[in-house]
Protein backbone atom coordinates (compact mmCIF):
# COMPACT_ATOMS: atom_id res chain seq x y z
CA MET A 1 148.02 -127.09 48.65
CA THR A 2 145.79 -128.36 45.85
CA GLU A 3 144.96 -126.21 42.88
CA GLY A 4 147.80 -123.82 43.72
CA ASN A 5 150.31 -126.63 43.89
CA PHE A 6 153.13 -125.87 41.48
CA LEU A 7 153.64 -129.48 40.41
CA ASN A 8 149.97 -130.01 39.60
CA LYS A 9 149.79 -126.80 37.59
CA LEU A 10 152.99 -127.75 35.79
CA PHE A 11 151.68 -131.13 34.69
CA LYS A 12 148.32 -129.66 33.68
CA ASN A 13 150.10 -127.19 31.43
CA ILE A 14 152.41 -129.91 30.10
CA PHE A 15 149.41 -132.02 29.18
CA TYR A 16 147.66 -129.22 27.31
CA LEU A 17 150.90 -128.21 25.61
CA HIS A 18 151.47 -131.83 24.62
CA LEU A 19 148.01 -131.99 23.01
CA VAL A 20 148.77 -128.90 20.92
CA SER A 21 152.22 -130.19 19.98
CA ILE A 22 150.96 -133.62 18.96
CA THR A 23 148.21 -132.08 16.84
CA ILE A 24 150.76 -129.89 15.05
CA LEU A 25 153.06 -132.89 14.54
CA VAL A 26 150.23 -134.97 13.09
CA ILE A 27 149.23 -132.19 10.69
CA VAL A 28 152.83 -131.71 9.55
CA LEU A 29 153.31 -135.46 9.00
CA ALA A 30 150.04 -135.73 7.08
CA ILE A 31 150.87 -132.74 4.84
CA ARG A 32 154.40 -133.98 4.27
CA SER A 33 153.13 -137.40 3.17
CA ILE A 34 150.68 -135.75 0.73
CA LEU A 35 153.39 -133.54 -0.77
CA SER A 36 155.72 -136.51 -1.18
CA ALA A 37 153.01 -138.78 -2.65
CA SER A 38 154.14 -138.06 -6.22
CA HIS A 39 157.46 -139.81 -5.66
CA THR A 40 156.38 -142.19 -2.87
CA HIS A 41 155.04 -145.34 -4.46
CA HIS A 42 155.57 -147.87 -1.67
CA PHE A 43 152.69 -146.58 0.50
CA ASP A 44 149.08 -147.40 -0.38
CA THR A 45 146.79 -145.00 1.47
CA GLN A 46 143.64 -147.08 1.14
CA ASP A 47 145.21 -150.37 2.23
CA TRP A 48 146.75 -148.75 5.32
CA TYR A 49 144.09 -146.33 6.54
CA LEU A 50 140.92 -148.34 5.91
CA PRO A 51 141.67 -151.31 8.21
CA VAL A 52 143.05 -148.99 10.91
CA LEU A 53 140.11 -146.57 10.94
CA VAL A 54 137.45 -149.29 10.62
CA SER A 55 139.06 -151.18 13.52
CA THR A 56 139.04 -147.98 15.58
CA ALA A 57 135.31 -147.62 14.96
CA PHE A 58 134.84 -151.27 15.88
CA ALA A 59 136.72 -150.62 19.16
CA ALA A 60 134.08 -148.02 20.06
CA ILE A 61 131.29 -150.52 19.38
CA ALA A 62 133.06 -153.14 21.50
CA GLY A 63 133.40 -150.63 24.34
CA PHE A 64 129.66 -149.93 24.35
CA ALA A 65 128.96 -153.67 24.20
CA TRP A 66 131.12 -154.43 27.27
CA GLN A 67 129.31 -151.73 29.23
CA ALA A 68 125.86 -152.94 28.24
CA PHE A 69 126.62 -156.57 29.08
CA THR A 70 128.21 -155.62 32.41
CA ALA A 71 125.22 -153.52 33.43
CA PHE A 72 122.85 -156.35 32.47
CA ASN A 73 124.74 -159.27 34.08
CA PRO A 74 128.03 -158.38 35.82
CA LEU A 75 129.08 -161.87 36.94
CA ARG A 76 128.43 -163.54 33.60
CA THR A 77 130.19 -160.75 31.72
CA MET A 78 133.18 -161.07 34.05
CA LYS A 79 133.38 -164.81 33.35
CA VAL A 80 133.14 -164.17 29.62
CA ALA A 81 136.03 -161.69 29.80
CA PHE A 82 138.21 -164.20 31.64
CA TRP A 83 137.85 -166.94 29.00
CA LEU A 84 137.34 -164.76 25.92
CA SER A 85 140.50 -162.70 26.33
CA PRO A 86 143.03 -165.58 26.20
CA LEU A 87 141.10 -167.13 23.30
CA LEU A 88 141.23 -163.94 21.21
CA ILE A 89 144.86 -163.28 22.17
CA GLY A 90 145.71 -166.80 21.03
CA LEU A 91 144.00 -166.14 17.69
CA VAL A 92 146.02 -162.93 17.33
CA GLY A 93 149.15 -165.00 17.89
CA PHE A 94 148.05 -167.36 15.12
CA LEU A 95 147.41 -164.39 12.81
CA LEU A 96 150.86 -162.96 13.52
CA VAL A 97 152.49 -166.32 12.81
CA SER A 98 150.62 -166.40 9.49
CA ILE A 99 152.10 -163.02 8.55
CA GLY A 100 155.54 -164.58 8.86
CA THR A 101 157.81 -161.57 9.35
CA THR A 102 160.44 -161.32 12.08
CA GLY A 103 158.49 -158.64 13.90
CA SER A 104 155.23 -160.56 13.67
CA LEU A 105 156.86 -163.74 15.03
CA VAL A 106 158.21 -161.85 18.03
CA ALA A 107 154.77 -160.33 18.64
CA ALA A 108 153.20 -163.78 18.18
CA ALA A 109 155.44 -165.23 20.89
CA ILE A 110 154.37 -162.46 23.27
CA ALA A 111 150.71 -163.08 22.40
CA VAL A 112 150.97 -166.83 23.02
CA VAL A 113 152.71 -166.34 26.39
CA SER A 114 150.05 -163.80 27.34
CA ALA A 115 147.23 -166.17 26.35
CA VAL A 116 148.70 -169.04 28.39
CA THR A 117 149.28 -166.76 31.38
CA GLN A 118 145.71 -165.45 31.26
CA SER A 119 144.35 -169.01 31.04
CA LEU A 120 146.31 -170.05 34.13
CA TYR A 121 145.15 -166.92 35.92
CA TRP A 122 141.53 -167.77 35.05
CA CYS A 123 141.94 -171.17 36.74
CA TRP A 124 143.54 -169.56 39.81
CA VAL A 125 140.87 -166.90 40.45
CA GLN A 126 137.73 -168.96 39.83
CA PRO A 127 137.00 -169.40 43.58
CA ARG A 128 136.88 -165.60 43.96
CA LEU A 129 134.60 -164.88 41.00
CA GLU A 130 131.29 -165.18 42.86
CA TYR A 131 132.37 -162.65 45.47
CA ALA A 132 133.78 -160.31 42.81
CA GLY A 133 130.51 -160.50 40.91
CA GLN A 134 128.51 -159.61 44.03
CA ILE A 135 130.72 -156.59 44.77
CA LEU A 136 130.46 -155.51 41.15
CA LEU A 137 126.67 -155.75 41.24
CA LEU A 138 126.50 -153.73 44.45
CA SER A 139 128.92 -151.03 43.37
CA ILE A 140 127.83 -150.23 39.81
CA ALA A 141 124.31 -149.19 40.76
CA ILE A 142 124.92 -145.77 39.23
CA PRO A 143 121.95 -144.10 37.48
CA PRO A 144 122.02 -145.39 33.86
CA GLN A 145 121.94 -141.91 32.34
CA ILE A 146 125.21 -141.04 34.11
CA ALA A 147 127.06 -144.14 32.89
CA THR A 148 125.60 -143.88 29.38
CA GLY A 149 126.33 -140.19 28.94
CA VAL A 150 129.86 -140.38 30.32
CA ALA A 151 130.62 -143.49 28.30
CA PHE A 152 129.36 -141.98 25.08
CA LEU A 153 131.41 -138.79 25.41
CA SER A 154 134.58 -140.57 26.50
CA ILE A 155 134.44 -143.21 23.78
CA ILE A 156 133.69 -140.65 21.07
CA THR A 157 136.59 -138.52 22.32
CA CYS A 158 138.95 -141.50 22.25
CA THR A 159 137.75 -142.52 18.79
CA LEU A 160 138.37 -139.06 17.34
CA TYR A 161 141.74 -138.68 19.07
CA SER A 162 142.92 -142.15 18.01
CA SER A 163 141.88 -141.47 14.42
CA LEU A 164 143.77 -138.17 14.47
CA LEU A 165 146.91 -139.87 15.75
CA PHE A 166 146.67 -142.62 13.16
CA PHE A 167 146.72 -140.02 10.41
CA GLY A 168 150.05 -138.91 11.85
CA ILE A 169 151.34 -142.47 12.05
CA GLY A 170 150.21 -143.08 8.48
CA GLY A 171 152.01 -139.94 7.36
CA ALA A 172 155.20 -141.06 9.09
CA THR A 173 154.88 -144.53 7.57
CA ALA A 174 154.41 -143.08 4.09
CA THR A 175 157.59 -140.98 4.06
CA ASN A 176 159.64 -143.54 5.99
CA THR A 177 162.58 -141.31 6.94
CA SER A 178 165.07 -141.97 9.72
CA TRP A 179 163.07 -139.73 12.09
CA ASP A 180 159.73 -141.41 11.52
CA ILE A 181 160.25 -144.25 13.99
CA LEU A 182 160.77 -141.62 16.69
CA PHE A 183 157.66 -139.73 15.54
CA ILE A 184 155.57 -142.91 15.69
CA PHE A 185 156.89 -143.72 19.17
CA VAL A 186 156.02 -140.22 20.42
CA ILE A 187 152.51 -140.46 18.94
CA LEU A 188 151.89 -143.86 20.57
CA LEU A 189 153.20 -142.48 23.87
CA SER A 190 150.71 -139.63 23.54
CA LEU A 191 147.90 -142.12 22.91
CA THR A 192 148.87 -144.08 26.02
CA TRP A 193 149.09 -141.08 28.35
CA THR A 194 145.96 -139.37 27.03
CA ALA A 195 143.89 -142.57 27.27
CA HIS A 196 144.97 -143.01 30.89
CA ILE A 197 144.07 -139.40 31.66
CA ILE A 198 140.62 -139.77 30.12
CA LYS A 199 140.10 -143.03 32.02
CA ASN A 200 141.26 -141.60 35.33
CA THR A 201 139.27 -138.40 34.89
CA GLN A 202 136.16 -140.55 34.65
CA GLN A 203 137.28 -142.52 37.67
CA VAL A 204 137.74 -139.39 39.78
CA ALA A 205 134.40 -137.85 38.80
CA ILE A 206 132.25 -140.99 38.92
CA SER A 207 133.81 -142.32 42.13
CA HIS A 208 132.97 -138.92 43.67
CA ILE A 209 129.32 -139.36 42.65
CA LYS A 210 129.20 -142.95 43.90
CA TYR A 211 130.96 -142.17 47.18
CA MET A 212 128.49 -139.39 48.01
CA GLN A 213 125.60 -141.75 47.28
CA LEU A 214 126.97 -144.44 49.60
CA THR A 215 128.22 -142.25 52.43
CA TYR A 216 125.71 -139.42 52.63
CA GLY A 217 122.86 -140.47 50.37
CA LEU A 218 123.43 -137.36 48.27
CA GLU A 219 123.08 -137.13 44.50
CA ILE A 220 125.87 -135.10 42.90
CA GLY A 221 125.20 -133.83 39.38
CA THR A 222 127.40 -135.36 36.70
CA ILE A 223 128.19 -132.02 35.09
CA MET A 224 129.16 -130.54 38.45
CA ALA A 225 131.37 -133.53 39.29
CA PHE A 226 133.26 -133.31 35.99
CA LYS A 227 133.47 -129.51 36.20
CA ASN A 228 135.11 -129.74 39.62
CA THR A 229 137.41 -132.51 38.42
CA PHE A 230 138.69 -130.46 35.49
CA LYS A 231 138.96 -127.31 37.60
CA HIS A 232 140.77 -128.73 40.61
CA SER A 233 142.21 -132.16 39.84
CA ILE A 234 143.38 -132.45 36.23
CA GLY A 235 147.03 -131.79 37.13
CA THR A 236 146.97 -134.48 39.82
CA ILE A 237 145.28 -136.87 37.38
CA CYS A 238 148.05 -136.22 34.84
CA ILE A 239 150.66 -137.13 37.46
CA GLY A 240 148.72 -140.19 38.61
CA SER A 241 148.29 -141.35 35.01
CA ILE A 242 152.07 -141.70 34.86
CA LEU A 243 152.77 -142.90 38.39
CA VAL A 244 150.03 -145.49 38.92
CA PRO A 245 150.59 -147.54 35.70
CA VAL A 246 154.33 -147.74 36.43
CA ILE A 247 153.69 -148.98 39.97
CA CYS A 248 151.11 -151.46 38.67
CA VAL A 249 153.68 -152.90 36.26
CA ILE A 250 156.26 -153.19 39.06
CA ARG A 251 153.74 -154.85 41.35
CA GLY A 252 152.54 -157.22 38.64
CA SER A 253 156.09 -158.27 37.79
CA ALA A 254 156.83 -158.80 41.50
CA ARG A 255 153.81 -161.10 41.79
CA ALA A 256 154.86 -163.04 38.69
CA ILE A 257 158.42 -163.45 39.97
CA SER A 258 157.15 -164.59 43.37
CA MET A 259 154.89 -167.19 41.76
CA VAL A 260 157.73 -168.56 39.63
CA SER A 261 160.43 -168.47 42.31
CA LYS A 262 158.13 -169.86 45.05
CA ASP A 263 160.31 -170.49 48.11
CA ALA A 264 163.64 -169.75 46.45
CA ASP A 265 165.58 -166.80 47.85
CA GLU A 266 167.08 -165.82 44.53
CA PHE A 267 165.54 -165.71 41.07
CA MET A 268 167.40 -164.56 37.96
CA PHE A 269 170.08 -162.94 40.16
CA SER A 270 167.49 -160.78 41.94
CA CYS A 271 166.29 -160.89 45.52
CA THR A 272 162.66 -161.90 45.10
CA SER A 273 161.57 -161.06 48.64
CA CYS A 274 163.24 -157.63 48.50
CA TYR A 275 161.67 -156.83 45.14
CA SER A 276 158.23 -157.89 46.38
CA ALA A 277 158.64 -155.79 49.52
CA ILE A 278 159.62 -152.75 47.47
CA ALA A 279 156.66 -153.29 45.12
CA SER A 280 154.24 -153.63 48.06
CA ARG A 281 155.64 -150.48 49.61
CA LEU A 282 155.26 -148.52 46.37
CA VAL A 283 151.57 -149.42 46.15
CA ALA A 284 150.93 -147.30 49.23
CA TYR A 285 152.32 -144.28 47.38
CA GLY A 286 150.43 -144.70 44.13
CA ASN A 287 147.33 -146.82 43.55
CA ARG A 288 144.07 -146.53 41.64
CA TRP A 289 142.09 -146.25 44.90
CA GLY A 290 143.77 -142.90 45.46
CA PHE A 291 141.73 -141.39 42.63
CA VAL A 292 138.67 -141.51 44.90
CA HIS A 293 140.14 -139.00 47.36
CA ILE A 294 141.51 -136.80 44.59
CA GLY A 295 137.98 -135.86 43.63
CA LEU A 296 136.66 -135.72 47.19
CA HIS A 297 139.42 -133.77 48.92
CA ASN A 298 141.48 -132.31 46.04
CA LYS A 299 144.61 -133.99 47.37
CA GLY A 300 147.66 -135.20 45.46
CA ILE A 301 147.89 -138.78 44.21
CA VAL A 302 150.60 -139.80 46.72
CA GLN A 303 148.81 -138.38 49.76
CA SER A 304 145.46 -139.78 48.61
CA SER A 305 146.96 -143.22 48.01
CA ARG A 306 148.64 -143.32 51.41
CA ASN A 307 145.51 -142.17 53.26
CA ILE A 308 143.32 -144.77 51.59
CA TRP A 309 145.84 -147.56 52.04
CA GLU A 310 146.02 -146.80 55.77
CA MET A 311 142.21 -146.88 55.93
CA PHE A 312 142.17 -150.29 54.24
CA GLN A 313 144.63 -151.58 56.82
CA ARG A 314 142.62 -150.22 59.75
CA ALA A 315 139.40 -151.71 58.34
CA GLY A 316 141.11 -155.08 57.87
CA ILE A 317 140.28 -155.32 54.16
CA GLU A 318 143.79 -154.98 52.75
CA GLN A 319 143.72 -158.64 51.70
CA LEU A 320 140.43 -158.10 49.88
CA ILE A 321 141.93 -155.15 48.00
CA ASN A 322 144.97 -157.19 47.01
CA SER A 323 142.72 -159.94 45.63
CA ASP A 324 140.14 -157.66 43.99
CA LEU A 325 139.28 -158.86 40.49
CA THR A 326 137.72 -155.67 39.13
CA SER A 327 140.99 -154.36 37.72
CA SER A 328 141.65 -157.79 36.17
CA PHE A 329 138.17 -157.78 34.67
CA CYS A 330 138.65 -154.32 33.16
CA PHE A 331 142.12 -155.25 31.91
CA LEU A 332 140.92 -158.49 30.29
CA SER A 333 137.90 -156.85 28.70
CA GLY A 334 140.28 -154.22 27.27
CA THR A 335 142.68 -156.94 26.08
CA ALA A 336 139.78 -158.82 24.49
CA GLY A 337 138.59 -155.64 22.73
CA GLY A 338 142.13 -154.91 21.55
CA ALA A 339 142.58 -158.46 20.28
CA ALA A 340 139.27 -158.32 18.39
CA CYS A 341 140.39 -155.08 16.70
CA ALA A 342 143.79 -156.60 15.88
CA LEU A 343 142.10 -159.60 14.29
CA LEU A 344 139.89 -157.35 12.18
CA GLY A 345 142.58 -154.89 11.11
CA GLY A 346 145.38 -157.45 10.79
CA SER A 347 143.33 -159.90 8.73
CA TRP A 348 142.17 -157.11 6.45
CA ALA A 349 145.72 -155.89 5.92
CA LEU A 350 146.97 -159.44 5.42
CA MET A 351 144.51 -159.95 2.57
CA SER A 352 144.98 -156.54 0.95
CA ARG A 353 148.64 -155.65 1.57
CA ARG A 354 150.66 -158.21 3.50
CA ASN A 355 153.59 -155.94 4.38
CA TYR A 356 151.23 -153.69 6.39
CA ALA A 357 149.73 -156.53 8.42
CA THR A 358 152.15 -156.53 11.39
CA GLU A 359 152.07 -152.81 12.11
CA VAL A 360 148.31 -152.56 11.50
CA SER A 361 147.73 -155.45 13.92
CA ILE A 362 149.80 -153.74 16.61
CA TYR A 363 148.29 -150.28 16.12
CA THR A 364 144.70 -151.54 16.10
CA PHE A 365 145.35 -153.67 19.18
CA LEU A 366 146.60 -150.63 21.11
CA SER A 367 143.70 -148.50 19.95
CA GLY A 368 141.15 -151.17 20.85
CA TYR A 369 142.74 -151.87 24.22
CA PHE A 370 142.79 -148.24 25.36
CA MET A 371 139.32 -147.56 23.99
CA ASN A 372 137.83 -150.45 25.94
CA ARG A 373 139.74 -149.56 29.11
CA VAL A 374 138.27 -146.07 28.92
CA ALA A 375 134.83 -147.54 28.34
CA MET A 376 135.08 -149.71 31.47
CA SER A 377 136.52 -147.04 33.77
CA TRP A 378 133.14 -146.16 35.31
CA ILE A 379 132.88 -149.75 36.56
CA GLN A 380 136.27 -149.53 38.24
CA ALA A 381 135.27 -146.15 39.68
CA GLY A 382 132.14 -147.62 41.27
CA VAL A 383 134.05 -150.48 42.91
CA SER A 384 136.77 -148.11 44.16
CA ALA A 385 134.22 -145.81 45.76
CA TYR A 386 132.44 -148.80 47.34
CA TYR A 387 135.58 -150.10 49.05
CA VAL A 388 136.73 -146.65 50.18
CA ALA A 389 133.31 -145.82 51.64
CA TYR A 390 133.24 -149.18 53.41
CA ALA A 391 136.74 -148.72 54.84
CA GLU A 392 135.75 -145.32 56.26
CA ASN A 393 132.61 -146.66 57.94
CA PRO A 394 132.00 -150.45 57.87
CA GLN A 395 128.88 -149.95 60.03
CA ASN A 396 127.15 -147.88 57.36
CA GLN A 397 123.65 -149.29 56.85
CA LYS A 398 124.03 -149.08 53.08
CA PHE A 399 126.48 -152.02 53.16
CA ASP A 400 125.27 -155.60 53.43
CA CYS A 401 127.18 -158.61 54.78
CA THR A 402 129.03 -159.45 51.54
CA ILE A 403 132.45 -158.13 52.62
CA PRO A 404 132.35 -159.45 56.24
CA LYS A 405 131.26 -162.91 55.05
CA PHE A 406 134.08 -163.09 52.52
CA ILE A 407 136.59 -161.99 55.19
CA GLU A 408 135.37 -164.84 57.41
CA GLU A 409 135.79 -167.29 54.54
CA LEU A 410 139.36 -166.10 53.97
CA GLN A 411 140.14 -166.47 57.67
CA ARG A 412 138.68 -169.99 57.77
CA SER A 413 140.67 -170.99 54.70
CA ARG A 414 143.92 -170.01 56.44
CA VAL A 415 143.20 -172.05 59.55
């Protein structure tokens, strides 16, 4: 059951209904703030909206820049992302400390911890960067017009949608009633889910194109690939856009706990080994590689994830998948883009209206992060399709010796 699957249809309808509901909510909040402007003197429209909207536009520019640099020199761009992201996050932490509110200090602490963690991670993964750069170079050889066209449409869509949502957040901030915190939370939740759906829709369609190139030497039209994705897979993508990020967070926290606890059996009253085992098991039921089979076979996210994970195990590349740096690269480029937007919007607000600086910094960071993640999704799609195609047929003449050589190096390092 694919298109006729009740759960997929349900989530597709929920997503479309949610878009209509959020649009209505934003319009109501915006109108309400305008009507109450005569007796609302604490909210300055220009000082709030200008830094937010300009930072959103800057996020789009940053997204195009990451794509261009990656296409030109993947390895160098990956290295830049790994050292630029912690630097910019650290500067955001300094900006938040300068704001000096309780909320900004809490956010600053999170930013500093994140910057230190990313710096340590950069030192840990350096030996794997050359291999990751080679795989990236091999897998992103998608015709430029496909990547450019898809990127342009997706980034413009995200820019317009983010701007729409910020009008709602601004309206809620202006009236400042007891319900407005809930409204803002719902709007940010909508931004998160919608951005993931846009990103994963690209991943399904583009990985389909790339997989057909690698496996059969066939060129699938971009319009046809996206048409089939929207027709058959959007419900599954909506489910996966909830399931996969949650599992990624669980898996990431399990890795962090394992690194901190090392050989200890217990850490913070939790069984580290049990938690890691559960996290590893969950990955087989929801992972980003599953999006490749969603487009190819119109299967659900759980079934697709399990099938691909079993293929990785049979091909003996499970360890390579676990140590793949593409997702880290895309995450760090998104974090760097978000941090750059937070620096722009937060500094602007700090100079014009200090009491807006914390919230503007947070909102612009989220907008920049999601915008840049969407912009880089075609890169992740290419790598996903490359690994899946290799796992299905390692003897395919289209693959060189990059993966086998790296497997040999890993085996020698364990001896």
